[in-house]
Amino acid sequence: MTAPLTPPPPPHEPSPRSPHPAWETAPAPPSMGPAPHGATAVYGEDGPGMKTELREAAVVTVGVALAGVLLGVLWSRLAPHVPLVGDLVDKNWVVYLKDTEGEQAIGVDGTFTLLALGFGVLSALVVFLARKRGGVPLVVALAVGGVLGSLIAWRVGVWLGPAQDVIAHAQAVGKGVTFPAPLKLGAKGALLAWSVGALVVHLGLTALFGPRDPDPYATPYGGPAAPPA
């Protein structure tokens, strides 16, 4: 006669080899809900704060705009002169171009545009080196400061250039004597060259060399965190 077998322990009872139930030994997945009160979840380095960014943007705007004075001085010195000639017709002074086919007027606009682009590249490089994290306020500051700097450079260059009263200038130098025309910016689109150059260079530097936050989806649950790039 065969002895009856001992029935297995109920599934809810702990195993004789483990002092704890099986459901207690399984690791629970990390919670995806909000952090408990007092706990702080860190995903990357926090920014300096909106107030600090706005204050830095204001400083950048003023600094870039004031640099327009230097641009105006360089433009007045480097821009080619448009030659004019005065003549006396029926006791009235008239002024006309000495070289009607000359390209000096185009050179004036081109000089301003090239100088403005150079100032845009330089200002973007300085701002990036001073604060590599970047931010929307800094980008807006570069754009607004570039426009203001171009306007200031335009007025300063005209003020430092040849006299605006061409009739009085022709009378001062005499009949048939060549004298330079006042500086004039014919292509008003050149006033945007500074801002465009600054934005392109700054965005390019930020994309290539700016800090990057770690990707929270690149690290599996429970695995080591990937070092920031």
C-alpha atoms as a PDB file:
ATOM      1  CA  MET A   1       0.000   0.000   0.000  1.00  0.00           C
ATOM      2  CA  THR A   2       1.469   3.374  -1.075  1.00  0.00           C
ATOM      3  CA  ALA A   3       1.763   6.189   1.468  1.00  0.00           C
ATOM      4  CA  PRO A   4      -0.031   9.438   0.530  1.00  0.00           C
ATOM      5  CA  LEU A   5       2.173  12.210  -0.874  1.00  0.00           C
ATOM      6  CA  THR A   6       2.677  15.430   1.074  1.00  0.00           C
ATOM      7  CA  PRO A   7       0.719  18.234  -0.647  1.00  0.00           C
ATOM      8  CA  PRO A   8       2.801  21.225  -1.875  1.00  0.00           C
ATOM      9  CA  PRO A   9       2.676  24.413   0.169  1.00  0.00           C
ATOM     10  CA  PRO A  10       0.087  26.994  -0.824  1.00  0.00           C
ATOM     11  CA  PRO A  11       1.326  29.594  -3.346  1.00  0.00           C
ATOM     12  CA  HIS A  12       0.869  32.420  -0.870  1.00  0.00           C
ATOM     13  CA  GLU A  13       3.086  30.826   1.772  1.00  0.00           C
ATOM     14  CA  PRO A  14       6.816  31.692   1.776  1.00  0.00           C
ATOM     15  CA  SER A  15       9.267  29.198   0.319  1.00  0.00           C
ATOM     16  CA  PRO A  16      11.204  27.171   2.859  1.00  0.00           C
ATOM     17  CA  ARG A  17      14.485  28.326   1.285  1.00  0.00           C
ATOM     18  CA  SER A  18      13.684  32.040   1.451  1.00  0.00           C
ATOM     19  CA  PRO A  19      12.657  33.915   4.587  1.00  0.00           C
ATOM     20  CA  HIS A  20      10.608  36.365   2.512  1.00  0.00           C
ATOM     21  CA  PRO A  21       7.795  35.782   0.045  1.00  0.00           C
ATOM     22  CA  ALA A  22       8.690  35.605  -3.636  1.00  0.00           C
ATOM     23  CA  TRP A  23       6.705  38.730  -4.461  1.00  0.00           C
ATOM     24  CA  GLU A  24       8.832  40.729  -2.011  1.00  0.00           C
ATOM     25  CA  THR A  25      12.148  39.791  -3.640  1.00  0.00           C
ATOM     26  CA  ALA A  26      11.272  41.040  -7.128  1.00  0.00           C
ATOM     27  CA  PRO A  27      12.614  44.585  -7.715  1.00  0.00           C
ATOM     28  CA  ALA A  28       9.916  47.104  -8.446  1.00  0.00           C
ATOM     29  CA  PRO A  29      10.340  49.303 -11.529  1.00  0.00           C
ATOM     30  CA  PRO A  30      11.104  52.946 -10.861  1.00  0.00           C
ATOM     31  CA  SER A  31       8.073  55.132 -10.545  1.00  0.00           C
ATOM     32  CA  MET A  32       7.342  57.428 -13.484  1.00  0.00           C
ATOM     33  CA  GLY A  33       5.038  59.654 -11.437  1.00  0.00           C
ATOM     34  CA  PRO A  34       5.887  62.930  -9.748  1.00  0.00           C
ATOM     35  CA  ALA A  35       8.667  62.993  -7.185  1.00  0.00           C
ATOM     36  CA  PRO A  36       7.613  62.938  -3.521  1.00  0.00           C
ATOM     37  CA  HIS A  37       7.499  66.101  -1.487  1.00  0.00           C
ATOM     38  CA  GLY A  38      10.997  67.415  -0.825  1.00  0.00           C
ATOM     39  CA  ALA A  39      12.678  65.327  -3.554  1.00  0.00           C
ATOM     40  CA  THR A  40      14.248  66.973  -6.605  1.00  0.00           C
ATOM     41  CA  ALA A  41      14.633  65.194  -9.954  1.00  0.00           C
ATOM     42  CA  VAL A  42      17.769  66.360 -11.762  1.00  0.00           C
ATOM     43  CA  TYR A  43      17.875  65.856 -15.524  1.00  0.00           C
ATOM     44  CA  GLY A  44      20.630  68.343 -16.323  1.00  0.00           C
ATOM     45  CA  GLU A  45      22.138  71.588 -15.279  1.00  0.00           C
ATOM     46  CA  ASP A  46      19.586  74.316 -14.746  1.00  0.00           C
ATOM     47  CA  GLY A  47      19.881  77.631 -16.548  1.00  0.00           C
ATOM     48  CA  PRO A  48      20.759  80.888 -14.825  1.00  0.00           C
ATOM     49  CA  GLY A  49      17.128  81.996 -14.601  1.00  0.00           C
ATOM     50  CA  MET A  50      14.939  84.248 -16.696  1.00  0.00           C
ATOM     51  CA  LYS A  51      15.872  87.427 -14.812  1.00  0.00           C
ATOM     52  CA  THR A  52      19.572  86.792 -15.318  1.00  0.00           C
ATOM     53  CA  GLU A  53      19.062  85.987 -19.003  1.00  0.00           C
ATOM     54  CA  LEU A  54      17.083  89.184 -19.550  1.00  0.00           C
ATOM     55  CA  ARG A  55      19.740  91.224 -17.760  1.00  0.00           C
ATOM     56  CA  GLU A  56      22.481  89.663 -19.903  1.00  0.00           C
ATOM     57  CA  ALA A  57      20.414  90.262 -23.037  1.00  0.00           C
ATOM     58  CA  ALA A  58      20.040  93.949 -22.144  1.00  0.00           C
ATOM     59  CA  VAL A  59      23.814  94.262 -21.685  1.00  0.00           C
ATOM     60  CA  VAL A  60      24.432  92.558 -25.040  1.00  0.00           C
ATOM     61  CA  THR A  61      21.945  94.826 -26.808  1.00  0.00           C
ATOM     62  CA  VAL A  62      23.554  97.994 -25.457  1.00  0.00           C
ATOM     63  CA  GLY A  63      27.088  96.759 -26.127  1.00  0.00           C
ATOM     64  CA  VAL A  64      26.361  95.734 -29.710  1.00  0.00           C
ATOM     65  CA  ALA A  65      24.525  98.979 -30.406  1.00  0.00           C
ATOM     66  CA  LEU A  66      27.413 101.088 -29.085  1.00  0.00           C
ATOM     67  CA  ALA A  67      29.802  99.182 -31.333  1.00  0.00           C
ATOM     68  CA  GLY A  68      27.969 100.843 -34.205  1.00  0.00           C
ATOM     69  CA  VAL A  69      29.967 104.012 -33.499  1.00  0.00           C
ATOM     70  CA  LEU A  70      33.157 102.205 -34.484  1.00  0.00           C
ATOM     71  CA  LEU A  71      31.469 100.813 -37.587  1.00  0.00           C
ATOM     72  CA  GLY A  72      30.423 104.321 -38.605  1.00  0.00           C
ATOM     73  CA  VAL A  73      33.981 105.622 -38.195  1.00  0.00           C
ATOM     74  CA  LEU A  74      35.408 102.804 -40.299  1.00  0.00           C
ATOM     75  CA  TRP A  75      32.768 103.272 -42.969  1.00  0.00           C
ATOM     76  CA  SER A  76      33.530 106.977 -43.285  1.00  0.00           C
ATOM     77  CA  ARG A  77      37.242 106.211 -43.653  1.00  0.00           C
ATOM     78  CA  LEU A  78      37.101 103.173 -45.938  1.00  0.00           C
ATOM     79  CA  ALA A  79      34.157 103.909 -48.227  1.00  0.00           C
ATOM     80  CA  PRO A  80      35.064 105.211 -51.703  1.00  0.00           C
ATOM     81  CA  HIS A  81      34.194 108.812 -52.517  1.00  0.00           C
ATOM     82  CA  VAL A  82      31.747 109.694 -55.256  1.00  0.00           C
ATOM     83  CA  PRO A  83      33.314 112.593 -57.236  1.00  0.00           C
ATOM     84  CA  LEU A  84      31.174 115.674 -57.904  1.00  0.00           C
ATOM     85  CA  VAL A  85      31.842 118.811 -59.888  1.00  0.00           C
ATOM     86  CA  GLY A  86      30.229 122.224 -59.462  1.00  0.00           C
ATOM     87  CA  ASP A  87      29.475 124.626 -62.290  1.00  0.00           C
ATOM     88  CA  LEU A  88      27.959 128.072 -62.606  1.00  0.00           C
ATOM     89  CA  VAL A  89      25.077 128.279 -65.085  1.00  0.00           C
ATOM     90  CA  ASP A  90      23.204 131.593 -65.453  1.00  0.00           C
ATOM     91  CA  LYS A  91      24.572 132.725 -62.103  1.00  0.00           C
ATOM     92  CA  ASN A  92      23.225 129.575 -60.457  1.00  0.00           C
ATOM     93  CA  TRP A  93      25.385 126.812 -59.074  1.00  0.00           C
ATOM     94  CA  VAL A  94      24.695 123.281 -60.269  1.00  0.00           C
ATOM     95  CA  VAL A  95      26.385 120.066 -59.172  1.00  0.00           C
ATOM     96  CA  TYR A  96      26.704 116.919 -61.227  1.00  0.00           C
ATOM     97  CA  LEU A  97      28.590 113.658 -61.211  1.00  0.00           C
ATOM     98  CA  LYS A  98      32.054 113.789 -62.669  1.00  0.00           C
ATOM     99  CA  ASP A  99      32.018 110.125 -63.677  1.00  0.00           C
ATOM    100  CA  THR A 100      28.503 109.087 -64.628  1.00  0.00           C
ATOM    101  CA  GLU A 101      29.572 105.472 -65.222  1.00  0.00           C
ATOM    102  CA  GLY A 102      31.516 105.104 -62.006  1.00  0.00           C
ATOM    103  CA  GLU A 103      30.705 102.436 -59.444  1.00  0.00           C
ATOM    104  CA  GLN A 104      31.698 104.396 -56.373  1.00  0.00           C
ATOM    105  CA  ALA A 105      28.104 104.531 -55.112  1.00  0.00           C
ATOM    106  CA  ILE A 106      27.894 100.741 -55.207  1.00  0.00           C
ATOM    107  CA  GLY A 107      31.204 100.590 -53.406  1.00  0.00           C
ATOM    108  CA  VAL A 108      29.817 102.747 -50.605  1.00  0.00           C
ATOM    109  CA  ASP A 109      26.967 100.297 -49.989  1.00  0.00           C
ATOM    110  CA  GLY A 110      29.254  97.305 -50.374  1.00  0.00           C
ATOM    111  CA  THR A 111      31.753  98.655 -47.862  1.00  0.00           C
ATOM    112  CA  PHE A 112      29.023  99.180 -45.292  1.00  0.00           C
ATOM    113  CA  THR A 113      27.619  95.679 -45.880  1.00  0.00           C
ATOM    114  CA  LEU A 114      30.987  93.941 -45.553  1.00  0.00           C
ATOM    115  CA  LEU A 115      31.887  95.865 -42.422  1.00  0.00           C
ATOM    116  CA  ALA A 116      28.497  95.115 -40.886  1.00  0.00           C
ATOM    117  CA  LEU A 117      28.870  91.404 -41.616  1.00  0.00           C
ATOM    118  CA  GLY A 118      32.309  91.435 -40.004  1.00  0.00           C
ATOM    119  CA  PHE A 119      30.935  93.155 -36.911  1.00  0.00           C
ATOM    120  CA  GLY A 120      28.114  90.603 -36.793  1.00  0.00           C
ATOM    121  CA  VAL A 121      30.560  87.681 -36.850  1.00  0.00           C
ATOM    122  CA  LEU A 122      32.730  89.301 -34.171  1.00  0.00           C
ATOM    123  CA  SER A 123      29.821  90.143 -31.869  1.00  0.00           C
ATOM    124  CA  ALA A 124      28.388  86.620 -32.175  1.00  0.00           C
ATOM    125  CA  LEU A 125      31.781  85.095 -31.332  1.00  0.00           C
ATOM    126  CA  VAL A 126      32.225  87.319 -28.283  1.00  0.00           C
ATOM    127  CA  VAL A 127      28.723  86.569 -26.980  1.00  0.00           C
ATOM    128  CA  PHE A 128      29.181  82.829 -27.502  1.00  0.00           C
ATOM    129  CA  LEU A 129      32.514  82.757 -25.686  1.00  0.00           C
ATOM    130  CA  ALA A 130      31.046  84.782 -22.823  1.00  0.00           C
ATOM    131  CA  ARG A 131      27.995  82.513 -22.441  1.00  0.00           C
ATOM    132  CA  LYS A 132      28.080  79.249 -24.347  1.00  0.00           C
ATOM    133  CA  ARG A 133      24.689  78.043 -23.142  1.00  0.00           C
ATOM    134  CA  GLY A 134      22.987  80.641 -25.313  1.00  0.00           C
ATOM    135  CA  GLY A 135      19.273  81.165 -25.031  1.00  0.00           C
ATOM    136  CA  VAL A 136      16.450  82.944 -26.793  1.00  0.00           C
ATOM    137  CA  PRO A 137      17.049  86.307 -25.023  1.00  0.00           C
ATOM    138  CA  LEU A 138      20.653  86.407 -26.242  1.00  0.00           C
ATOM    139  CA  VAL A 139      19.633  85.635 -29.814  1.00  0.00           C
ATOM    140  CA  VAL A 140      17.023  88.404 -29.726  1.00  0.00           C
ATOM    141  CA  ALA A 141      19.586  90.763 -28.192  1.00  0.00           C
ATOM    142  CA  LEU A 142      22.021  90.097 -31.038  1.00  0.00           C
ATOM    143  CA  ALA A 143      19.332  90.768 -33.632  1.00  0.00           C
ATOM    144  CA  VAL A 144      18.037  93.972 -32.021  1.00  0.00           C
ATOM    145  CA  GLY A 145      21.520  95.215 -31.163  1.00  0.00           C
ATOM    146  CA  GLY A 146      22.686  94.606 -34.727  1.00  0.00           C
ATOM    147  CA  VAL A 147      19.888  96.730 -36.176  1.00  0.00           C
ATOM    148  CA  LEU A 148      20.488  99.521 -33.651  1.00  0.00           C
ATOM    149  CA  GLY A 149      24.229  99.383 -34.255  1.00  0.00           C
ATOM    150  CA  SER A 150      23.720  99.621 -38.015  1.00  0.00           C
ATOM    151  CA  LEU A 151      21.456 102.651 -37.624  1.00  0.00           C
ATOM    152  CA  ILE A 152      24.000 104.349 -35.369  1.00  0.00           C
ATOM    153  CA  ALA A 153      26.822 103.503 -37.790  1.00  0.00           C
ATOM    154  CA  TRP A 154      24.847 104.930 -40.695  1.00  0.00           C
ATOM    155  CA  ARG A 155      24.238 108.258 -38.966  1.00  0.00           C
ATOM    156  CA  VAL A 156      27.778 108.493 -37.583  1.00  0.00           C
ATOM    157  CA  GLY A 157      29.287 107.746 -40.990  1.00  0.00           C
ATOM    158  CA  VAL A 158      27.147 110.392 -42.677  1.00  0.00           C
ATOM    159  CA  TRP A 159      28.052 112.893 -39.974  1.00  0.00           C
ATOM    160  CA  LEU A 160      31.796 112.198 -40.243  1.00  0.00           C
ATOM    161  CA  GLY A 161      31.772 112.087 -44.040  1.00  0.00           C
ATOM    162  CA  PRO A 162      31.885 114.956 -46.524  1.00  0.00           C
ATOM    163  CA  ALA A 163      29.622 117.964 -46.098  1.00  0.00           C
ATOM    164  CA  GLN A 164      25.935 117.446 -46.792  1.00  0.00           C
ATOM    165  CA  ASP A 165      25.407 120.846 -48.469  1.00  0.00           C
ATOM    166  CA  VAL A 166      26.837 120.136 -51.893  1.00  0.00           C
ATOM    167  CA  ILE A 167      26.060 123.621 -53.257  1.00  0.00           C
ATOM    168  CA  ALA A 168      27.973 125.303 -50.458  1.00  0.00           C
ATOM    169  CA  HIS A 169      30.791 122.797 -50.912  1.00  0.00           C
ATOM    170  CA  ALA A 170      30.948 123.508 -54.662  1.00  0.00           C
ATOM    171  CA  GLN A 171      31.074 127.247 -54.008  1.00  0.00           C
ATOM    172  CA  ALA A 172      33.852 126.727 -51.458  1.00  0.00           C
ATOM    173  CA  VAL A 173      36.110 124.702 -53.758  1.00  0.00           C
ATOM    174  CA  GLY A 174      35.338 126.673 -56.928  1.00  0.00           C
ATOM    175  CA  LYS A 175      33.985 126.075 -60.392  1.00  0.00           C
ATOM    176  CA  GLY A 176      35.124 122.860 -62.086  1.00  0.00           C
ATOM    177  CA  VAL A 177      36.909 121.514 -58.997  1.00  0.00           C
ATOM    178  CA  THR A 178      36.187 117.914 -58.005  1.00  0.00           C
ATOM    179  CA  PHE A 179      34.954 117.283 -54.467  1.00  0.00           C
ATOM    180  CA  PRO A 180      33.500 114.205 -52.719  1.00  0.00           C
ATOM    181  CA  ALA A 181      29.792 113.660 -52.419  1.00  0.00           C
ATOM    182  CA  PRO A 182      28.209 113.066 -49.002  1.00  0.00           C
ATOM    183  CA  LEU A 183      28.030 109.494 -47.802  1.00  0.00           C
ATOM    184  CA  LYS A 184      24.718 107.939 -48.728  1.00  0.00           C
ATOM    185  CA  LEU A 185      23.465 104.437 -48.048  1.00  0.00           C
ATOM    186  CA  GLY A 186      21.434 103.576 -51.112  1.00  0.00           C
ATOM    187  CA  ALA A 187      20.686  99.927 -50.226  1.00  0.00           C
ATOM    188  CA  LYS A 188      18.792 100.116 -46.943  1.00  0.00           C
ATOM    189  CA  GLY A 189      18.854  96.328 -46.732  1.00  0.00           C
ATOM    190  CA  ALA A 190      22.489  96.656 -45.653  1.00  0.00           C
ATOM    191  CA  LEU A 191      21.170  97.712 -42.240  1.00  0.00           C
ATOM    192  CA  LEU A 192      20.206  94.058 -41.645  1.00  0.00           C
ATOM    193  CA  ALA A 193      23.604  92.610 -42.529  1.00  0.00           C
ATOM    194  CA  TRP A 194      24.913  92.892 -38.966  1.00  0.00           C
ATOM    195  CA  SER A 195      21.947  91.042 -37.454  1.00  0.00           C
ATOM    196  CA  VAL A 196      21.894  88.339 -40.118  1.00  0.00           C
ATOM    197  CA  GLY A 197      25.622  87.640 -39.759  1.00  0.00           C
ATOM    198  CA  ALA A 198      25.417  87.559 -35.970  1.00  0.00           C
ATOM    199  CA  LEU A 199      22.438  85.195 -35.907  1.00  0.00           C
ATOM    200  CA  VAL A 200      23.902  82.740 -38.417  1.00  0.00           C
ATOM    201  CA  VAL A 201      27.285  82.559 -36.678  1.00  0.00           C
ATOM    202  CA  HIS A 202      25.873  82.363 -33.154  1.00  0.00           C
ATOM    203  CA  LEU A 203      23.379  79.627 -34.017  1.00  0.00           C
ATOM    204  CA  GLY A 204      26.100  77.699 -35.833  1.00  0.00           C
ATOM    205  CA  LEU A 205      28.518  77.929 -32.901  1.00  0.00           C
ATOM    206  CA  THR A 206      25.795  76.908 -30.458  1.00  0.00           C
ATOM    207  CA  ALA A 207      24.839  73.902 -32.583  1.00  0.00           C
ATOM    208  CA  LEU A 208      28.451  72.746 -32.984  1.00  0.00           C
ATOM    209  CA  PHE A 209      30.092  73.589 -29.663  1.00  0.00           C
ATOM    210  CA  GLY A 210      27.282  74.435 -27.243  1.00  0.00           C
ATOM    211  CA  PRO A 211      26.521  72.219 -24.205  1.00  0.00           C
ATOM    212  CA  ARG A 212      23.957  69.479 -24.641  1.00  0.00           C
ATOM    213  CA  ASP A 213      21.598  68.032 -22.045  1.00  0.00           C
ATOM    214  CA  PRO A 214      21.699  64.243 -21.622  1.00  0.00           C
ATOM    215  CA  ASP A 215      18.942  62.298 -23.348  1.00  0.00           C
ATOM    216  CA  PRO A 216      16.687  60.808 -20.628  1.00  0.00           C
ATOM    217  CA  TYR A 217      15.531  58.087 -23.036  1.00  0.00           C
ATOM    218  CA  ALA A 218      19.068  56.916 -23.870  1.00  0.00           C
ATOM    219  CA  THR A 219      19.602  55.305 -20.401  1.00  0.00           C
ATOM    220  CA  PRO A 220      17.589  52.139 -19.532  1.00  0.00           C
ATOM    221  CA  TYR A 221      15.900  51.810 -16.153  1.00  0.00           C
ATOM    222  CA  GLY A 222      18.411  50.916 -13.485  1.00  0.00           C
ATOM    223  CA  GLY A 223      21.411  51.462 -15.772  1.00  0.00           C
ATOM    224  CA  PRO A 224      24.214  53.984 -15.232  1.00  0.00           C
ATOM    225  CA  ALA A 225      23.556  57.503 -16.471  1.00  0.00           C
ATOM    226  CA  ALA A 226      25.397  58.466 -19.644  1.00  0.00           C
ATOM    227  CA  PRO A 227      27.915  61.304 -19.183  1.00  0.00           C
ATOM    228  CA  PRO A 228      26.871  64.603 -20.789  1.00  0.00           C
ATOM    229  CA  ALA A 229      28.421  65.367 -24.175  1.00  0.00           C
END
